Amino acid sequence: MARTVTMKGQPLTLAGQALKVGDKAPDFRVLDRELNEVGLEDCGGKVRLLSVTPSLDTPVCDMQARRFNEEAAKLEDVSVFNISMDLPFAIDRFCTAAGIDRVQALSDHREASFGRAYGVLIEELRLLARSVFVIDRDDTIRYIEIVPEITDHPDYEKALEAVRGLVAKEV
């Protein structure tokens, strides 16, 4: 059975394997703002929050990146990433203009490596479905939200609660 999300009520197909809480986080290859390749192992050793957005040039994605950037300032020993299909140059321009300085923004545009590995690549649009993943220090997925309607916001509080719970456990 195909996995789907919707955009303004229209069904869209997700490519890649569906992940579940307790799975090992798959590796991926994405680009940072300076065109350097980044993978899961490059952001290890900490609790990680992966905020996934279709495009930073849309209002909900903009608000999602800003919200997690604001929250990242309050989280100790946590790495926060935003992954989208936006080009690294567009990501750099957005982050500079928006003051995004606590979230590392990454681009999956080249190979859709993250989207396929995490099961959030929208086949029809070659964009990523709005989602949030929380990964512990041992690379185990501890929280997943794939937002059913991609024009809606994720549940920020549930994601942050999952992060805080992991950090509190490790103290």
N, C-alpha and C. Protein backbone atom coordinates (compact mmCIF):
# COMPACT_ATOMS: atom_id res chain seq x y z
N MET A 1 0.84 -1.19 0.00
CA MET A 1 0.00 0.00 0.00
C MET A 1 0.88 1.25 0.00
N ALA A 2 0.60 2.17 -0.89
CA ALA A 2 1.39 3.39 -0.99
C ALA A 2 1.14 4.28 0.23
N ARG A 3 2.20 4.89 0.68
CA ARG A 3 2.09 5.86 1.77
C ARG A 3 1.88 7.23 1.14
N THR A 4 1.01 8.02 1.73
CA THR A 4 0.70 9.32 1.16
C THR A 4 0.64 10.41 2.22
N VAL A 5 0.80 11.63 1.75
CA VAL A 5 0.46 12.85 2.49
C VAL A 5 -0.41 13.65 1.53
N THR A 6 -0.92 14.76 1.98
CA THR A 6 -1.69 15.60 1.08
C THR A 6 -1.12 17.01 1.05
N MET A 7 -1.41 17.70 -0.06
CA MET A 7 -1.10 19.12 -0.17
C MET A 7 -2.38 19.78 -0.66
N LYS A 8 -2.97 20.57 0.24
CA LYS A 8 -4.27 21.21 -0.03
C LYS A 8 -5.30 20.15 -0.42
N GLY A 9 -5.24 19.02 0.28
CA GLY A 9 -6.20 17.94 0.10
C GLY A 9 -5.88 16.96 -1.01
N GLN A 10 -4.91 17.26 -1.85
CA GLN A 10 -4.55 16.37 -2.96
C GLN A 10 -3.52 15.34 -2.49
N PRO A 11 -3.78 14.05 -2.70
CA PRO A 11 -2.84 13.02 -2.24
C PRO A 11 -1.53 13.03 -3.03
N LEU A 12 -0.44 12.82 -2.29
CA LEU A 12 0.90 12.75 -2.86
C LEU A 12 1.59 11.51 -2.30
N THR A 13 2.36 10.83 -3.12
CA THR A 13 2.99 9.56 -2.76
C THR A 13 4.37 9.78 -2.14
N LEU A 14 4.62 9.08 -1.04
CA LEU A 14 5.94 9.13 -0.40
C LEU A 14 6.79 7.97 -0.89
N ALA A 15 8.01 8.28 -1.33
CA ALA A 15 8.96 7.26 -1.76
C ALA A 15 9.89 6.90 -0.61
N GLY A 16 10.41 5.70 -0.65
CA GLY A 16 11.33 5.26 0.39
C GLY A 16 10.62 4.42 1.42
N GLN A 17 11.41 3.81 2.27
CA GLN A 17 10.89 2.91 3.30
C GLN A 17 10.35 3.70 4.48
N ALA A 18 9.21 3.30 5.00
CA ALA A 18 8.67 3.93 6.20
C ALA A 18 9.52 3.51 7.40
N LEU A 19 9.91 4.48 8.19
CA LEU A 19 10.68 4.21 9.42
C LEU A 19 9.74 4.21 10.60
N LYS A 20 10.19 3.60 11.69
CA LYS A 20 9.40 3.63 12.92
C LYS A 20 10.31 3.90 14.11
N VAL A 21 9.71 4.37 15.17
CA VAL A 21 10.45 4.63 16.40
C VAL A 21 11.12 3.32 16.82
N GLY A 22 12.40 3.42 17.17
CA GLY A 22 13.18 2.25 17.57
C GLY A 22 14.11 1.77 16.46
N ASP A 23 13.86 2.20 15.21
CA ASP A 23 14.75 1.85 14.10
C ASP A 23 16.07 2.59 14.24
N LYS A 24 17.13 1.98 13.71
CA LYS A 24 18.40 2.69 13.59
C LYS A 24 18.22 3.77 12.52
N ALA A 25 18.72 4.95 12.80
CA ALA A 25 18.61 6.04 11.83
C ALA A 25 19.49 5.74 10.63
N PRO A 26 18.91 5.76 9.43
CA PRO A 26 19.72 5.49 8.24
C PRO A 26 20.67 6.65 7.93
N ASP A 27 21.79 6.30 7.30
CA ASP A 27 22.72 7.34 6.88
C ASP A 27 22.12 8.08 5.69
N PHE A 28 22.65 9.25 5.41
CA PHE A 28 22.22 10.06 4.27
C PHE A 28 23.38 10.97 3.88
N ARG A 29 23.32 11.52 2.69
CA ARG A 29 24.32 12.47 2.19
C ARG A 29 23.58 13.71 1.70
N VAL A 30 23.82 14.84 2.35
CA VAL A 30 23.22 16.12 1.97
C VAL A 30 24.33 17.17 1.90
N LEU A 31 23.98 18.38 1.47
CA LEU A 31 24.96 19.46 1.36
C LEU A 31 24.64 20.58 2.35
N ASP A 32 25.71 21.15 2.93
CA ASP A 32 25.50 22.31 3.78
C ASP A 32 25.53 23.58 2.91
N ARG A 33 25.46 24.72 3.53
CA ARG A 33 25.39 25.99 2.81
C ARG A 33 26.64 26.30 2.00
N GLU A 34 27.77 25.67 2.37
CA GLU A 34 29.03 25.88 1.66
C GLU A 34 29.33 24.75 0.67
N LEU A 35 28.34 23.92 0.38
CA LEU A 35 28.44 22.79 -0.56
C LEU A 35 29.29 21.63 -0.05
N ASN A 36 29.49 21.57 1.27
CA ASN A 36 30.18 20.44 1.87
C ASN A 36 29.19 19.32 2.11
N GLU A 37 29.62 18.10 1.86
CA GLU A 37 28.76 16.94 2.08
C GLU A 37 28.65 16.65 3.58
N VAL A 38 27.44 16.36 4.04
CA VAL A 38 27.17 16.07 5.44
C VAL A 38 26.36 14.79 5.50
N GLY A 39 26.71 13.92 6.44
CA GLY A 39 25.97 12.68 6.65
C GLY A 39 25.61 12.51 8.11
N LEU A 40 24.91 11.45 8.41
CA LEU A 40 24.48 11.19 9.78
C LEU A 40 25.67 11.16 10.73
N GLU A 41 26.77 10.54 10.31
CA GLU A 41 27.93 10.42 11.20
C GLU A 41 28.57 11.78 11.50
N ASP A 42 28.35 12.76 10.64
CA ASP A 42 28.91 14.09 10.87
C ASP A 42 28.15 14.87 11.94
N CYS A 43 26.99 14.39 12.29
CA CYS A 43 26.21 15.10 13.30
C CYS A 43 25.90 14.19 14.48
N GLY A 44 26.78 13.22 14.72
CA GLY A 44 26.57 12.26 15.81
C GLY A 44 27.09 12.77 17.14
N GLY A 45 26.91 11.95 18.17
CA GLY A 45 27.40 12.27 19.49
C GLY A 45 26.47 13.10 20.34
N LYS A 46 25.39 13.56 19.74
CA LYS A 46 24.41 14.37 20.47
C LYS A 46 23.01 13.88 20.12
N VAL A 47 22.05 14.31 20.89
CA VAL A 47 20.66 14.14 20.50
C VAL A 47 20.46 15.05 19.30
N ARG A 48 19.73 14.57 18.29
CA ARG A 48 19.50 15.36 17.09
C ARG A 48 18.02 15.52 16.80
N LEU A 49 17.64 16.72 16.44
CA LEU A 49 16.29 17.02 15.98
C LEU A 49 16.42 17.38 14.50
N LEU A 50 15.77 16.59 13.64
CA LEU A 50 15.78 16.85 12.20
C LEU A 50 14.42 17.42 11.82
N SER A 51 14.42 18.70 11.49
CA SER A 51 13.22 19.39 11.04
C SER A 51 13.26 19.35 9.52
N VAL A 52 12.23 18.77 8.91
CA VAL A 52 12.21 18.57 7.46
C VAL A 52 11.12 19.45 6.87
N THR A 53 11.49 20.24 5.86
CA THR A 53 10.55 21.17 5.24
C THR A 53 10.56 21.02 3.72
N PRO A 54 9.40 21.23 3.08
CA PRO A 54 9.36 21.19 1.62
C PRO A 54 10.22 22.28 0.98
N SER A 55 10.07 23.55 1.42
CA SER A 55 10.86 24.65 0.88
C SER A 55 10.83 25.82 1.85
N LEU A 56 12.01 26.34 2.17
CA LEU A 56 12.09 27.46 3.11
C LEU A 56 11.45 28.74 2.56
N ASP A 57 11.13 28.74 1.28
CA ASP A 57 10.50 29.92 0.66
C ASP A 57 8.98 29.93 0.81
N THR A 58 8.45 29.13 1.70
CA THR A 58 7.01 29.13 1.94
C THR A 58 6.75 29.54 3.40
N PRO A 59 5.59 30.12 3.68
CA PRO A 59 5.33 30.66 5.02
C PRO A 59 5.44 29.64 6.15
N VAL A 60 4.87 28.45 6.00
CA VAL A 60 4.90 27.47 7.09
C VAL A 60 6.33 26.97 7.31
N CYS A 61 7.06 26.72 6.23
CA CYS A 61 8.45 26.26 6.35
C CYS A 61 9.31 27.33 7.01
N ASP A 62 9.09 28.57 6.62
CA ASP A 62 9.81 29.71 7.22
C ASP A 62 9.56 29.73 8.72
N MET A 63 8.28 29.61 9.12
CA MET A 63 7.94 29.63 10.54
C MET A 63 8.51 28.43 11.28
N GLN A 64 8.53 27.26 10.63
CA GLN A 64 9.08 26.05 11.25
C GLN A 64 10.58 26.23 11.51
N ALA A 65 11.31 26.72 10.53
CA ALA A 65 12.75 26.94 10.70
C ALA A 65 13.01 27.96 11.80
N ARG A 66 12.24 29.03 11.82
CA ARG A 66 12.42 30.07 12.85
C ARG A 66 12.09 29.53 14.25
N ARG A 67 11.03 28.75 14.35
CA ARG A 67 10.63 28.22 15.65
C ARG A 67 11.70 27.29 16.21
N PHE A 68 12.20 26.36 15.38
CA PHE A 68 13.23 25.45 15.88
C PHE A 68 14.55 26.18 16.12
N ASN A 69 14.84 27.24 15.38
CA ASN A 69 16.03 28.04 15.64
C ASN A 69 15.93 28.69 17.02
N GLU A 70 14.75 29.22 17.32
CA GLU A 70 14.50 29.84 18.63
C GLU A 70 14.63 28.81 19.75
N GLU A 71 14.05 27.64 19.55
CA GLU A 71 14.09 26.58 20.56
C GLU A 71 15.50 26.02 20.74
N ALA A 72 16.28 25.99 19.65
CA ALA A 72 17.64 25.43 19.73
C ALA A 72 18.49 26.19 20.74
N ALA A 73 18.22 27.47 20.91
CA ALA A 73 18.97 28.28 21.86
C ALA A 73 18.75 27.81 23.30
N LYS A 74 17.64 27.13 23.55
CA LYS A 74 17.30 26.67 24.89
C LYS A 74 17.70 25.22 25.15
N LEU A 75 18.21 24.55 24.12
CA LEU A 75 18.53 23.12 24.24
C LEU A 75 20.04 22.93 24.34
N GLU A 76 20.48 22.31 25.43
CA GLU A 76 21.90 22.06 25.59
C GLU A 76 22.25 20.67 25.06
N ASP A 77 23.38 20.60 24.40
CA ASP A 77 23.91 19.34 23.89
C ASP A 77 22.95 18.65 22.90
N VAL A 78 22.28 19.47 22.10
CA VAL A 78 21.35 18.98 21.08
C VAL A 78 21.72 19.67 19.76
N SER A 79 21.79 18.89 18.69
CA SER A 79 22.00 19.46 17.36
C SER A 79 20.66 19.52 16.64
N VAL A 80 20.38 20.67 16.04
CA VAL A 80 19.12 20.86 15.33
C VAL A 80 19.45 21.16 13.87
N PHE A 81 18.78 20.42 12.98
CA PHE A 81 19.01 20.55 11.55
C PHE A 81 17.69 20.80 10.85
N ASN A 82 17.74 21.57 9.77
CA ASN A 82 16.60 21.70 8.87
C ASN A 82 17.05 21.14 7.53
N ILE A 83 16.28 20.20 7.00
CA ILE A 83 16.62 19.58 5.72
C ILE A 83 15.49 19.86 4.74
N SER A 84 15.87 20.34 3.56
CA SER A 84 14.89 20.63 2.51
C SER A 84 15.53 20.32 1.16
N MET A 85 14.76 20.46 0.11
CA MET A 85 15.27 20.30 -1.25
C MET A 85 15.78 21.62 -1.83
N ASP A 86 15.74 22.67 -1.03
CA ASP A 86 16.22 23.96 -1.51
C ASP A 86 17.70 23.87 -1.87
N LEU A 87 18.11 24.65 -2.86
CA LEU A 87 19.53 24.71 -3.22
C LEU A 87 20.33 25.33 -2.07
N PRO A 88 21.57 24.91 -1.89
CA PRO A 88 22.39 25.49 -0.81
C PRO A 88 22.47 27.02 -0.86
N PHE A 89 22.48 27.60 -2.06
CA PHE A 89 22.56 29.05 -2.19
C PHE A 89 21.30 29.71 -1.67
N ALA A 90 20.14 29.12 -1.95
CA ALA A 90 18.87 29.65 -1.45
C ALA A 90 18.79 29.49 0.07
N ILE A 91 19.28 28.36 0.57
CA ILE A 91 19.30 28.14 2.02
C ILE A 91 20.16 29.20 2.70
N ASP A 92 21.33 29.46 2.13
CA ASP A 92 22.22 30.46 2.71
C ASP A 92 21.56 31.83 2.73
N ARG A 93 20.93 32.19 1.63
CA ARG A 93 20.25 33.49 1.54
C ARG A 93 19.12 33.57 2.58
N PHE A 94 18.32 32.50 2.68
CA PHE A 94 17.22 32.49 3.65
C PHE A 94 17.75 32.61 5.08
N CYS A 95 18.72 31.77 5.43
CA CYS A 95 19.24 31.76 6.81
C CYS A 95 19.85 33.10 7.19
N THR A 96 20.57 33.71 6.26
CA THR A 96 21.17 35.02 6.52
C THR A 96 20.09 36.07 6.75
N ALA A 97 19.09 36.10 5.90
CA ALA A 97 18.01 37.09 6.02
C ALA A 97 17.16 36.85 7.26
N ALA A 98 16.92 35.59 7.61
CA ALA A 98 16.04 35.25 8.73
C ALA A 98 16.77 35.16 10.06
N GLY A 99 18.09 35.27 10.04
CA GLY A 99 18.85 35.16 11.29
C GLY A 99 18.87 33.74 11.85
N ILE A 100 18.79 32.76 10.97
CA ILE A 100 18.83 31.36 11.40
C ILE A 100 20.29 31.02 11.66
N ASP A 101 20.66 30.94 12.94
CA ASP A 101 22.07 30.73 13.28
C ASP A 101 22.30 29.59 14.28
N ARG A 102 21.23 28.97 14.73
CA ARG A 102 21.37 27.86 15.67
C ARG A 102 20.96 26.52 15.06
N VAL A 103 20.32 26.60 13.91
CA VAL A 103 19.91 25.41 13.17
C VAL A 103 20.84 25.29 11.98
N GLN A 104 21.38 24.09 11.75
CA GLN A 104 22.18 23.88 10.55
C GLN A 104 21.22 23.49 9.42
N ALA A 105 21.14 24.33 8.41
CA ALA A 105 20.24 24.07 7.28
C ALA A 105 21.00 23.30 6.21
N LEU A 106 20.38 22.22 5.73
CA LEU A 106 21.01 21.30 4.79
C LEU A 106 20.12 21.07 3.57
N SER A 107 20.77 20.78 2.43
CA SER A 107 20.06 20.58 1.18
C SER A 107 20.14 19.13 0.72
N ASP A 108 18.99 18.56 0.40
CA ASP A 108 18.90 17.19 -0.12
C ASP A 108 18.67 17.20 -1.63
N HIS A 109 18.91 18.34 -2.28
CA HIS A 109 18.54 18.50 -3.70
C HIS A 109 19.32 17.58 -4.64
N ARG A 110 20.55 17.25 -4.30
CA ARG A 110 21.41 16.54 -5.25
C ARG A 110 20.96 15.11 -5.52
N GLU A 111 20.78 14.32 -4.47
CA GLU A 111 20.46 12.90 -4.66
C GLU A 111 19.16 12.45 -3.99
N ALA A 112 18.53 13.33 -3.26
CA ALA A 112 17.35 12.96 -2.46
C ALA A 112 17.69 11.81 -1.52
N SER A 113 18.92 11.77 -1.07
CA SER A 113 19.42 10.71 -0.20
C SER A 113 18.64 10.64 1.12
N PHE A 114 18.45 11.80 1.74
CA PHE A 114 17.71 11.83 3.00
C PHE A 114 16.25 11.45 2.76
N GLY A 115 15.63 12.06 1.77
CA GLY A 115 14.22 11.81 1.49
C GLY A 115 13.91 10.35 1.26
N ARG A 116 14.76 9.67 0.50
CA ARG A 116 14.56 8.24 0.24
C ARG A 116 14.82 7.40 1.49
N ALA A 117 15.92 7.71 2.19
CA ALA A 117 16.30 6.91 3.37
C ALA A 117 15.28 7.04 4.50
N TYR A 118 14.66 8.21 4.62
CA TYR A 118 13.71 8.45 5.71
C TYR A 118 12.25 8.35 5.27
N GLY A 119 12.03 8.01 4.00
CA GLY A 119 10.67 7.77 3.50
C GLY A 119 9.81 9.00 3.40
N VAL A 120 10.43 10.17 3.13
CA VAL A 120 9.66 11.41 3.08
C VAL A 120 9.81 12.16 1.75
N LEU A 121 10.32 11.48 0.72
CA LEU A 121 10.44 12.09 -0.60
C LEU A 121 9.09 12.02 -1.29
N ILE A 122 8.56 13.18 -1.68
CA ILE A 122 7.28 13.23 -2.39
C ILE A 122 7.57 12.98 -3.87
N GLU A 123 7.11 11.84 -4.36
CA GLU A 123 7.42 11.43 -5.73
C GLU A 123 6.98 12.45 -6.77
N GLU A 124 5.76 12.94 -6.66
CA GLU A 124 5.20 13.83 -7.68
C GLU A 124 5.89 15.18 -7.74
N LEU A 125 6.46 15.65 -6.65
CA LEU A 125 7.01 17.00 -6.59
C LEU A 125 8.52 17.06 -6.39
N ARG A 126 9.12 15.92 -6.05
CA ARG A 126 10.54 15.86 -5.67
C ARG A 126 10.85 16.91 -4.59
N LEU A 127 9.96 16.99 -3.63
CA LEU A 127 10.14 17.79 -2.42
C LEU A 127 10.08 16.83 -1.25
N LEU A 128 10.45 17.31 -0.07
CA LEU A 128 10.35 16.49 1.13
C LEU A 128 9.06 16.82 1.87
N ALA A 129 8.44 15.78 2.41
CA ALA A 129 7.23 15.97 3.22
C ALA A 129 7.61 16.61 4.55
N ARG A 130 6.77 17.51 5.00
CA ARG A 130 7.02 18.14 6.30
C ARG A 130 7.04 17.06 7.38
N SER A 131 8.12 17.02 8.14
CA SER A 131 8.27 15.98 9.15
C SER A 131 9.30 16.38 10.18
N VAL A 132 9.33 15.63 11.27
CA VAL A 132 10.31 15.84 12.33
C VAL A 132 10.77 14.47 12.81
N PHE A 133 12.07 14.32 12.95
CA PHE A 133 12.67 13.10 13.49
C PHE A 133 13.57 13.50 14.66
N VAL A 134 13.50 12.72 15.73
CA VAL A 134 14.41 12.92 16.87
C VAL A 134 15.23 11.64 16.99
N ILE A 135 16.55 11.81 17.02
CA ILE A 135 17.49 10.69 17.04
C ILE A 135 18.35 10.82 18.29
N ASP A 136 18.53 9.71 18.99
CA ASP A 136 19.35 9.75 20.20
C ASP A 136 20.84 9.64 19.88
N ARG A 137 21.67 9.68 20.90
CA ARG A 137 23.13 9.64 20.72
C ARG A 137 23.61 8.35 20.07
N ASP A 138 22.82 7.29 20.19
CA ASP A 138 23.20 5.99 19.63
C ASP A 138 22.60 5.77 18.25
N ASP A 139 22.13 6.83 17.62
CA ASP A 139 21.56 6.78 16.27
C ASP A 139 20.27 5.97 16.18
N THR A 140 19.51 5.95 17.26
CA THR A 140 18.21 5.29 17.25
C THR A 140 17.13 6.37 17.15
N ILE A 141 16.16 6.14 16.28
CA ILE A 141 15.06 7.10 16.11
C ILE A 141 14.12 6.97 17.32
N ARG A 142 13.88 8.08 17.99
CA ARG A 142 13.04 8.09 19.19
C ARG A 142 11.72 8.82 19.00
N TYR A 143 11.58 9.56 17.90
CA TYR A 143 10.33 10.29 17.64
C TYR A 143 10.23 10.52 16.14
N ILE A 144 9.03 10.33 15.60
CA ILE A 144 8.76 10.61 14.19
C ILE A 144 7.40 11.28 14.08
N GLU A 145 7.35 12.35 13.31
CA GLU A 145 6.07 12.92 12.90
C GLU A 145 6.18 13.25 11.42
N ILE A 146 5.35 12.63 10.62
CA ILE A 146 5.20 13.01 9.22
C ILE A 146 3.84 13.69 9.15
N VAL A 147 3.85 14.99 8.91
CA VAL A 147 2.63 15.79 8.95
C VAL A 147 1.74 15.37 7.77
N PRO A 148 0.51 14.91 8.05
CA PRO A 148 -0.36 14.38 6.99
C PRO A 148 -0.69 15.39 5.88
N GLU A 149 -0.91 16.64 6.25
CA GLU A 149 -1.19 17.71 5.28
C GLU A 149 0.02 18.64 5.31
N ILE A 150 0.79 18.66 4.22
CA ILE A 150 2.09 19.35 4.28
C ILE A 150 1.99 20.87 4.42
N THR A 151 0.80 21.43 4.30
CA THR A 151 0.66 22.86 4.53
C THR A 151 0.40 23.16 6.02
N ASP A 152 0.29 22.12 6.85
CA ASP A 152 0.10 22.29 8.29
C ASP A 152 1.44 22.27 9.02
N HIS A 153 1.44 22.82 10.22
CA HIS A 153 2.63 22.82 11.07
C HIS A 153 2.80 21.46 11.74
N PRO A 154 4.05 21.11 12.07
CA PRO A 154 4.26 19.91 12.90
C PRO A 154 3.84 20.24 14.34
N ASP A 155 3.80 19.23 15.17
CA ASP A 155 3.50 19.42 16.60
C ASP A 155 4.83 19.76 17.29
N TYR A 156 5.14 21.04 17.34
CA TYR A 156 6.41 21.50 17.90
C TYR A 156 6.61 20.99 19.33
N GLU A 157 5.57 21.10 20.14
CA GLU A 157 5.72 20.73 21.55
C GLU A 157 6.03 19.25 21.74
N LYS A 158 5.37 18.37 20.98
CA LYS A 158 5.66 16.94 21.10
C LYS A 158 7.10 16.63 20.70
N ALA A 159 7.58 17.24 19.63
CA ALA A 159 8.96 17.02 19.19
C ALA A 159 9.94 17.51 20.25
N LEU A 160 9.69 18.70 20.78
CA LEU A 160 10.59 19.26 21.79
C LEU A 160 10.53 18.46 23.08
N GLU A 161 9.37 17.96 23.42
CA GLU A 161 9.21 17.09 24.60
C GLU A 161 10.06 15.83 24.42
N ALA A 162 10.06 15.25 23.23
CA ALA A 162 10.87 14.05 22.96
C ALA A 162 12.36 14.37 23.12
N VAL A 163 12.78 15.52 22.63
CA VAL A 163 14.19 15.92 22.76
C VAL A 163 14.54 16.12 24.23
N ARG A 164 13.72 16.88 24.94
CA ARG A 164 14.00 17.15 26.36
C ARG A 164 14.02 15.86 27.18
N GLY A 165 13.15 14.92 26.84
CA GLY A 165 13.12 13.64 27.54
C GLY A 165 14.41 12.87 27.36
N LEU A 166 14.97 12.89 26.16
CA LEU A 166 16.23 12.20 25.89
C LEU A 166 17.39 12.88 26.62
N VAL A 167 17.41 14.20 26.61
CA VAL A 167 18.48 14.95 27.27
C VAL A 167 18.42 14.71 28.77
N ALA A 168 17.21 14.71 29.35
CA ALA A 168 17.06 14.51 30.79
C ALA A 168 17.51 13.10 31.20
N LYS A 169 17.24 12.10 30.34
CA LYS A 169 17.65 10.72 30.61
C LYS A 169 19.16 10.56 30.66
N GLU A 170 19.85 11.35 29.86
CA GLU A 170 21.29 11.20 29.72
C GLU A 170 22.07 11.98 30.76
N VAL A 171 21.41 12.85 31.51
CA VAL A 171 22.10 13.66 32.51
C VAL A 171 22.37 12.87 33.75
